[in-house]
PDB file of N, CA and C in Angstrom:
ATOM      1  N   MET A   1      47.203 117.714  99.762  1.00  0.00           N
ATOM      2  CA  MET A   1      48.313 117.364  99.830  1.00  0.00           C
ATOM      3  C   MET A   1      48.822 116.907 101.111  1.00  0.00           C
ATOM      4  N   ALA A   2      48.663 118.168 102.110  1.00  0.00           N
ATOM      5  CA  ALA A   2      49.292 118.166 103.271  1.00  0.00           C
ATOM      6  C   ALA A   2      48.450 116.997 104.255  1.00  0.00           C
ATOM      7  N   GLY A   3      47.340 116.829 103.881  1.00  0.00           N
ATOM      8  CA  GLY A   3      46.418 115.989 104.504  1.00  0.00           C
ATOM      9  C   GLY A   3      46.975 114.514 104.091  1.00  0.00           C
ATOM     10  N   VAL A   4      47.330 114.296 103.333  1.00  0.00           N
ATOM     11  CA  VAL A   4      48.037 112.752 103.075  1.00  0.00           C
ATOM     12  C   VAL A   4      49.333 112.804 103.503  1.00  0.00           C
ATOM     13  N   ALA A   5      49.970 113.650 103.707  1.00  0.00           N
ATOM     14  CA  ALA A   5      51.415 113.683 104.518  1.00  0.00           C
ATOM     15  C   ALA A   5      51.028 113.531 106.012  1.00  0.00           C
ATOM     16  N   LEU A   6      50.124 113.947 106.550  1.00  0.00           N
ATOM     17  CA  LEU A   6      49.753 114.162 107.850  1.00  0.00           C
ATOM     18  C   LEU A   6      49.545 112.802 107.997  1.00  0.00           C
ATOM     19  N   VAL A   7      48.388 112.217 107.284  1.00  0.00           N
ATOM     20  CA  VAL A   7      48.008 110.531 107.737  1.00  0.00           C
ATOM     21  C   VAL A   7      49.180 109.520 107.466  1.00  0.00           C
ATOM     22  N   VAL A   8      50.203 109.942 106.849  1.00  0.00           N
ATOM     23  CA  VAL A   8      51.343 109.109 106.132  1.00  0.00           C
ATOM     24  C   VAL A   8      52.294 109.126 107.450  1.00  0.00           C
ATOM     25  N   THR A   9      52.375 110.297 108.071  1.00  0.00           N
ATOM     26  CA  THR A   9      53.327 110.559 109.542  1.00  0.00           C
ATOM     27  C   THR A   9      52.656 109.879 110.644  1.00  0.00           C
ATOM     28  N   LEU A  10      51.296 110.246 110.934  1.00  0.00           N
ATOM     29  CA  LEU A  10      50.530 109.344 111.774  1.00  0.00           C
ATOM     30  C   LEU A  10      50.621 107.992 112.165  1.00  0.00           C
ATOM     31  N   CYS A  11      50.404 107.613 110.486  1.00  0.00           N
ATOM     32  CA  CYS A  11      50.770 105.825 110.533  1.00  0.00           C
ATOM     33  C   CYS A  11      52.122 105.599 110.886  1.00  0.00           C
ATOM     34  N   LEU A  12      53.061 106.321 110.383  1.00  0.00           N
ATOM     35  CA  LEU A  12      54.443 105.946 111.221  1.00  0.00           C
ATOM     36  C   LEU A  12      54.643 106.208 112.541  1.00  0.00           C
ATOM     37  N   VAL A  13      54.205 107.009 113.144  1.00  0.00           N
ATOM     38  CA  VAL A  13      54.361 107.255 114.380  1.00  0.00           C
ATOM     39  C   VAL A  13      53.466 106.169 115.279  1.00  0.00           C
ATOM     40  N   TRP A  14      52.303 106.201 114.681  1.00  0.00           N
ATOM     41  CA  TRP A  14      51.673 104.837 115.349  1.00  0.00           C
ATOM     42  C   TRP A  14      52.388 103.579 115.195  1.00  0.00           C
ATOM     43  N   LEU A  15      52.939 102.879 114.007  1.00  0.00           N
ATOM     44  CA  LEU A  15      53.616 102.002 114.112  1.00  0.00           C
ATOM     45  C   LEU A  15      54.784 101.786 114.856  1.00  0.00           C
ATOM     46  N   ILE A  16      55.705 102.839 115.049  1.00  0.00           N
ATOM     47  CA  ILE A  16      56.779 102.860 115.787  1.00  0.00           C
ATOM     48  C   ILE A  16      56.492 102.717 117.411  1.00  0.00           C
ATOM     49  N   TRP A  17      55.607 103.581 117.704  1.00  0.00           N
ATOM     50  CA  TRP A  17      54.885 103.106 119.102  1.00  0.00           C
ATOM     51  C   TRP A  17      54.258 101.872 119.300  1.00  0.00           C
ATOM     52  N   TYR A  18      53.885 101.048 118.035  1.00  0.00           N
ATOM     53  CA  TYR A  18      52.978  99.659 118.462  1.00  0.00           C
ATOM     54  C   TYR A  18      54.653  99.006 118.731  1.00  0.00           C
ATOM     55  N   ALA A  19      55.729  99.157 117.655  1.00  0.00           N
ATOM     56  CA  ALA A  19      56.686  97.948 117.341  1.00  0.00           C
ATOM     57  C   ALA A  19      57.378  98.242 118.924  1.00  0.00           C
ATOM     58  N   THR A  20      57.411  99.387 119.568  1.00  0.00           N
ATOM     59  CA  THR A  20      58.240  99.520 120.858  1.00  0.00           C
ATOM     60  C   THR A  20      57.277  98.774 122.250  1.00  0.00           C
ATOM     61  N   ARG A  21      56.136  99.004 122.037  1.00  0.00           N
ATOM     62  CA  ARG A  21      55.272  98.289 122.908  1.00  0.00           C
ATOM     63  C   ARG A  21      55.187  96.876 122.822  1.00  0.00           C
ATOM     64  N   ALA A  22      55.157  96.580 121.567  1.00  0.00           N
ATOM     65  CA  ALA A  22      55.447  94.806 121.555  1.00  0.00           C
ATOM     66  C   ALA A  22      56.718  94.119 121.979  1.00  0.00           C
ATOM     67  N   GLY A  23      57.724  95.085 121.676  1.00  0.00           N
ATOM     68  CA  GLY A  23      59.175  94.607 121.829  1.00  0.00           C
ATOM     69  C   GLY A  23      59.207  94.762 123.879  1.00  0.00           C
ATOM     70  N   ARG A  24      58.593  95.689 124.509  1.00  0.00           N
ATOM     71  CA  ARG A  24      58.456  95.888 125.916  1.00  0.00           C
ATOM     72  C   ARG A  24      58.112  94.902 126.255  1.00  0.00           C
ATOM     73  N   ASN A  25      56.954  94.202 125.703  1.00  0.00           N
ATOM     74  CA  ASN A  25      55.709  93.079 126.229  1.00  0.00           C
ATOM     75  C   ASN A  25      56.871  91.798 126.242  1.00  0.00           C
ATOM     76  N   ALA A  26      57.549  91.633 125.218  1.00  0.00           N
ATOM     77  CA  ALA A  26      58.317  90.408 124.605  1.00  0.00           C
ATOM     78  C   ALA A  26      59.623  90.328 125.867  1.00  0.00           C
ATOM     79  N   GLN A  27      60.040  91.064 125.904  1.00  0.00           N
ATOM     80  CA  GLN A  27      60.894  91.363 127.226  1.00  0.00           C
ATOM     81  C   GLN A  27      60.253  90.863 128.584  1.00  0.00           C
ATOM     82  N   SER A  28      59.044  91.424 129.033  1.00  0.00           N
ATOM     83  CA  SER A  28      58.563  91.223 130.092  1.00  0.00           C
ATOM     84  C   SER A  28      58.400  90.012 130.198  1.00  0.00           C
ATOM     85  N   VAL A  29      57.732  89.029 129.149  1.00  0.00           N
ATOM     86  CA  VAL A  29      57.508  88.218 129.270  1.00  0.00           C
ATOM     87  C   VAL A  29      58.871  86.726 129.385  1.00  0.00           C
ATOM     88  N   GLU A  30      59.506  87.168 128.641  1.00  0.00           N
ATOM     89  CA  GLU A  30      60.989  86.552 129.209  1.00  0.00           C
ATOM     90  C   GLU A  30      61.784  86.592 130.059  1.00  0.00           C
ATOM     91  N   THR A  31      61.521  87.605 130.630  1.00  0.00           N
ATOM     92  CA  THR A  31      61.914  87.913 131.996  1.00  0.00           C
ATOM     93  C   THR A  31      61.400  87.515 133.106  1.00  0.00           C
ATOM     94  N   SER A  32      60.326  87.005 132.601  1.00  0.00           N
ATOM     95  CA  SER A  32      59.040  85.985 134.020  1.00  0.00           C
ATOM     96  C   SER A  32      59.171  84.631 133.422  1.00  0.00           C
ATOM     97  N   GLN A  33      59.558  84.294 132.497  1.00  0.00           N
ATOM     98  CA  GLN A  33      59.658  82.976 132.064  1.00  0.00           C
ATOM     99  C   GLN A  33      61.583  82.856 132.500  1.00  0.00           C
ATOM    100  N   THR A  34      62.244  83.629 132.736  1.00  0.00           N
ATOM    101  CA  THR A  34      63.411  83.270 133.421  1.00  0.00           C
ATOM    102  C   THR A  34      63.541  83.769 134.670  1.00  0.00           C
ATOM    103  N   ALA A  35      62.656  84.299 135.632  1.00  0.00           N
ATOM    104  CA  ALA A  35      62.543  84.252 136.825  1.00  0.00           C
ATOM    105  C   ALA A  35      61.614  82.792 137.652  1.00  0.00           C
ATOM    106  N   ALA A  36      60.547  82.566 136.482  1.00  0.00           N
ATOM    107  CA  ALA A  36      60.349  80.805 137.075  1.00  0.00           C
ATOM    108  C   ALA A  36      60.877  79.861 136.923  1.00  0.00           C
ATOM    109  N   ASN A  37      61.976  79.811 135.743  1.00  0.00           N
ATOM    110  CA  ASN A  37      62.639  78.996 135.557  1.00  0.00           C
ATOM    111  C   ASN A  37      64.128  78.525 136.977  1.00  0.00           C
ATOM    112  N   ASP A  38      64.314  79.889 137.245  1.00  0.00           N
ATOM    113  CA  ASP A  38      65.339  80.087 138.503  1.00  0.00           C
ATOM    114  C   ASP A  38      64.657  79.798 139.564  1.00  0.00           C
ATOM    115  N   ALA A  39      63.134  79.971 139.745  1.00  0.00           N
ATOM    116  CA  ALA A  39      62.822  79.613 141.257  1.00  0.00           C
ATOM    117  C   ALA A  39      62.372  78.097 140.763  1.00  0.00           C
ATOM    118  N   GLU A  40      62.258  77.286 139.839  1.00  0.00           N
ATOM    119  CA  GLU A  40      61.919  76.204 140.083  1.00  0.00           C
ATOM    120  C   GLU A  40      63.156  75.467 140.529  1.00  0.00           C
ATOM    121  N   ILE A  41      64.457  76.087 139.772  1.00  0.00           N
ATOM    122  CA  ILE A  41      65.964  75.198 139.941  1.00  0.00           C
ATOM    123  C   ILE A  41      66.144  75.423 141.460  1.00  0.00           C
ATOM    124  N   VAL A  42      65.811  76.709 142.285  1.00  0.00           N
ATOM    125  CA  VAL A  42      65.945  76.532 143.659  1.00  0.00           C
ATOM    126  C   VAL A  42      65.111  75.714 144.475  1.00  0.00           C
ATOM    127  N   ALA A  43      64.143  75.529 143.870  1.00  0.00           N
ATOM    128  CA  ALA A  43      63.210  74.771 144.801  1.00  0.00           C
ATOM    129  C   ALA A  43      63.441  73.370 144.962  1.00  0.00           C
ATOM    130  N   GLY A  44      63.950  73.036 143.507  1.00  0.00           N
ATOM    131  CA  GLY A  44      64.505  71.423 143.557  1.00  0.00           C
ATOM    132  C   GLY A  44      65.753  71.714 144.469  1.00  0.00           C
ATOM    133  N   VAL A  45      66.447  72.518 144.404  1.00  0.00           N
ATOM    134  CA  VAL A  45      67.472  72.343 145.269  1.00  0.00           C
ATOM    135  C   VAL A  45      67.111  72.280 146.539  1.00  0.00           C
ATOM    136  N   GLN A  46      66.226  73.377 146.976  1.00  0.00           N
ATOM    137  CA  GLN A  46      65.830  73.147 148.612  1.00  0.00           C
ATOM    138  C   GLN A  46      65.206  71.733 148.646  1.00  0.00           C
ATOM    139  N   ALA A  47      64.401  71.060 147.876  1.00  0.00           N
ATOM    140  CA  ALA A  47      64.064  69.892 148.050  1.00  0.00           C
ATOM    141  C   ALA A  47      65.076  69.038 148.484  1.00  0.00           C
ATOM    142  N   ASN A  48      65.808  68.945 147.639  1.00  0.00           N
ATOM    143  CA  ASN A  48      66.894  67.757 147.605  1.00  0.00           C
ATOM    144  C   ASN A  48      68.015  67.938 148.922  1.00  0.00           C
ATOM    145  N   MET A  49      67.939  69.303 149.597  1.00  0.00           N
ATOM    146  CA  MET A  49      68.695  69.868 150.891  1.00  0.00           C
ATOM    147  C   MET A  49      67.822  69.402 151.696  1.00  0.00           C
ATOM    148  N   ALA A  50      66.529  68.968 151.636  1.00  0.00           N
ATOM    149  CA  ALA A  50      65.853  68.939 152.843  1.00  0.00           C
ATOM    150  C   ALA A  50      65.376  67.097 152.877  1.00  0.00           C
ATOM    151  N   LYS A  51      65.605  66.485 151.782  1.00  0.00           N
ATOM    152  CA  LYS A  51      65.748  65.120 151.669  1.00  0.00           C
ATOM    153  C   LYS A  51      66.972  64.584 152.357  1.00  0.00           C
ATOM    154  N   ALA A  52      68.263  65.345 151.929  1.00  0.00           N
ATOM    155  CA  ALA A  52      69.220  64.764 152.583  1.00  0.00           C
ATOM    156  C   ALA A  52      68.931  65.060 154.013  1.00  0.00           C
ATOM    157  N   GLN A  53      68.545  65.959 154.436  1.00  0.00           N
ATOM    158  CA  GLN A  53      68.804  66.577 156.149  1.00  0.00           C
ATOM    159  C   GLN A  53      67.554  65.521 156.578  1.00  0.00           C
ATOM    160  N   ALA A  54      66.685  65.136 156.095  1.00  0.00           N
ATOM    161  CA  ALA A  54      65.926  64.006 156.479  1.00  0.00           C
ATOM    162  C   ALA A  54      66.337  62.730 156.597  1.00  0.00           C
ATOM    163  N   GLU A  55      67.078  62.236 155.857  1.00  0.00           N
ATOM    164  CA  GLU A  55      67.614  60.842 156.072  1.00  0.00           C
ATOM    165  C   GLU A  55      69.102  60.695 156.630  1.00  0.00           C
ATOM    166  N   GLY A  56      69.562  61.756 156.955  1.00  0.00           N
ATOM    167  CA  GLY A  56      70.068  61.949 158.015  1.00  0.00           C
ATOM    168  C   GLY A  56      71.606  61.628 157.923  1.00  0.00           C
ATOM    169  N   PRO A  57      72.500  61.232 158.425  1.00  0.00           N
ATOM    170  CA  PRO A  57      74.004  60.742 158.217  1.00  0.00           C
ATOM    171  C   PRO A  57      73.886  58.830 158.003  1.00  0.00           C
ATOM    172  N   GLN A  58      74.632  58.793 156.832  1.00  0.00           N
ATOM    173  CA  GLN A  58      74.897  57.623 156.425  1.00  0.00           C
ATOM    174  C   GLN A  58      76.094  57.153 156.300  1.00  0.00           C
ATOM    175  N   SER A  59      76.722  55.817 156.081  1.00  0.00           N
ATOM    176  CA  SER A  59      77.568  55.126 156.107  1.00  0.00           C
ATOM    177  C   SER A  59      78.401  55.490 154.825  1.00  0.00           C
ATOM    178  N   LYS A  60      79.499  55.396 154.429  1.00  0.00           N
ATOM    179  CA  LYS A  60      80.462  55.359 153.220  1.00  0.00           C
ATOM    180  C   LYS A  60      79.605  54.534 152.172  1.00  0.00           C
ATOM    181  N   GLU A  61      79.292  53.177 152.743  1.00  0.00           N
ATOM    182  CA  GLU A  61      78.511  52.289 151.908  1.00  0.00           C
ATOM    183  C   GLU A  61      77.557  52.364 151.470  1.00  0.00           C
ATOM    184  N   GLN A  62      76.389  53.165 152.312  1.00  0.00           N
ATOM    185  CA  GLN A  62      75.222  53.545 151.771  1.00  0.00           C
ATOM    186  C   GLN A  62      75.065  54.737 150.905  1.00  0.00           C
ATOM    187  N   LEU A  63      76.006  55.687 151.103  1.00  0.00           N
ATOM    188  CA  LEU A  63      76.466  56.668 150.545  1.00  0.00           C
ATOM    189  C   LEU A  63      76.715  56.189 148.809  1.00  0.00           C
ATOM    190  N   LEU A  64      77.536  55.208 148.638  1.00  0.00           N
ATOM    191  CA  LEU A  64      77.943  55.144 147.598  1.00  0.00           C
ATOM    192  C   LEU A  64      76.806  53.877 146.888  1.00  0.00           C
ATOM    193  N   ASP A  65      76.374  53.342 147.548  1.00  0.00           N
ATOM    194  CA  ASP A  65      75.325  52.270 146.924  1.00  0.00           C
ATOM    195  C   ASP A  65      73.980  53.212 146.226  1.00  0.00           C
ATOM    196  N   ARG A  66      73.609  54.372 147.271  1.00  0.00           N
ATOM    197  CA  ARG A  66      72.540  55.341 146.417  1.00  0.00           C
ATOM    198  C   ARG A  66      73.206  56.011 145.202  1.00  0.00           C
ATOM    199  N   LEU A  67      74.495  56.323 145.343  1.00  0.00           N
ATOM    200  CA  LEU A  67      75.054  57.165 144.291  1.00  0.00           C
ATOM    201  C   LEU A  67      75.201  55.985 142.720  1.00  0.00           C
ATOM    202  N   ASP A  68      75.387  54.891 143.012  1.00  0.00           N
ATOM    203  CA  ASP A  68      75.297  53.755 141.723  1.00  0.00           C
ATOM    204  C   ASP A  68      73.887  53.629 141.618  1.00  0.00           C
ATOM    205  N   ALA A  69      73.069  53.612 142.715  1.00  0.00           N
ATOM    206  CA  ALA A  69      71.712  53.484 141.994  1.00  0.00           C
ATOM    207  C   ALA A  69      70.954  54.439 141.223  1.00  0.00           C
ATOM    208  N   GLY A  70      71.924  55.904 141.478  1.00  0.00           N
ATOM    209  CA  GLY A  70      71.290  56.967 140.932  1.00  0.00           C
ATOM    210  C   GLY A  70      70.331  58.026 141.453  1.00  0.00           C
ATOM    211  N   THR A  71      70.203  57.436 142.841  1.00  0.00           N
ATOM    212  CA  THR A  71      69.229  58.167 143.850  1.00  0.00           C
ATOM    213  C   THR A  71      69.836  59.399 144.413  1.00  0.00           C
ATOM    214  N   GLY A  72      71.137  59.118 144.565  1.00  0.00           N
ATOM    215  CA  GLY A  72      71.844  60.227 145.130  1.00  0.00           C
ATOM    216  C   GLY A  72      71.915  61.370 144.632  1.00  0.00           C
TER     217      GLY A  72
END
């Protein structure tokens, strides 16, 4: 009877360990995905800033035309 209790206890310990490890792995993946999304947003903003700087100053009419076209 003691052997059965030991096996059951070991199975429960293993199950708790496995569930904890799986939760940590899932959290790590979620954190990595969030960091990748944030990096993509920052890269997009930087690209837009570089484009605006490269195109230089513009008149009010040029700006309004770009905004109306949806490329601003």
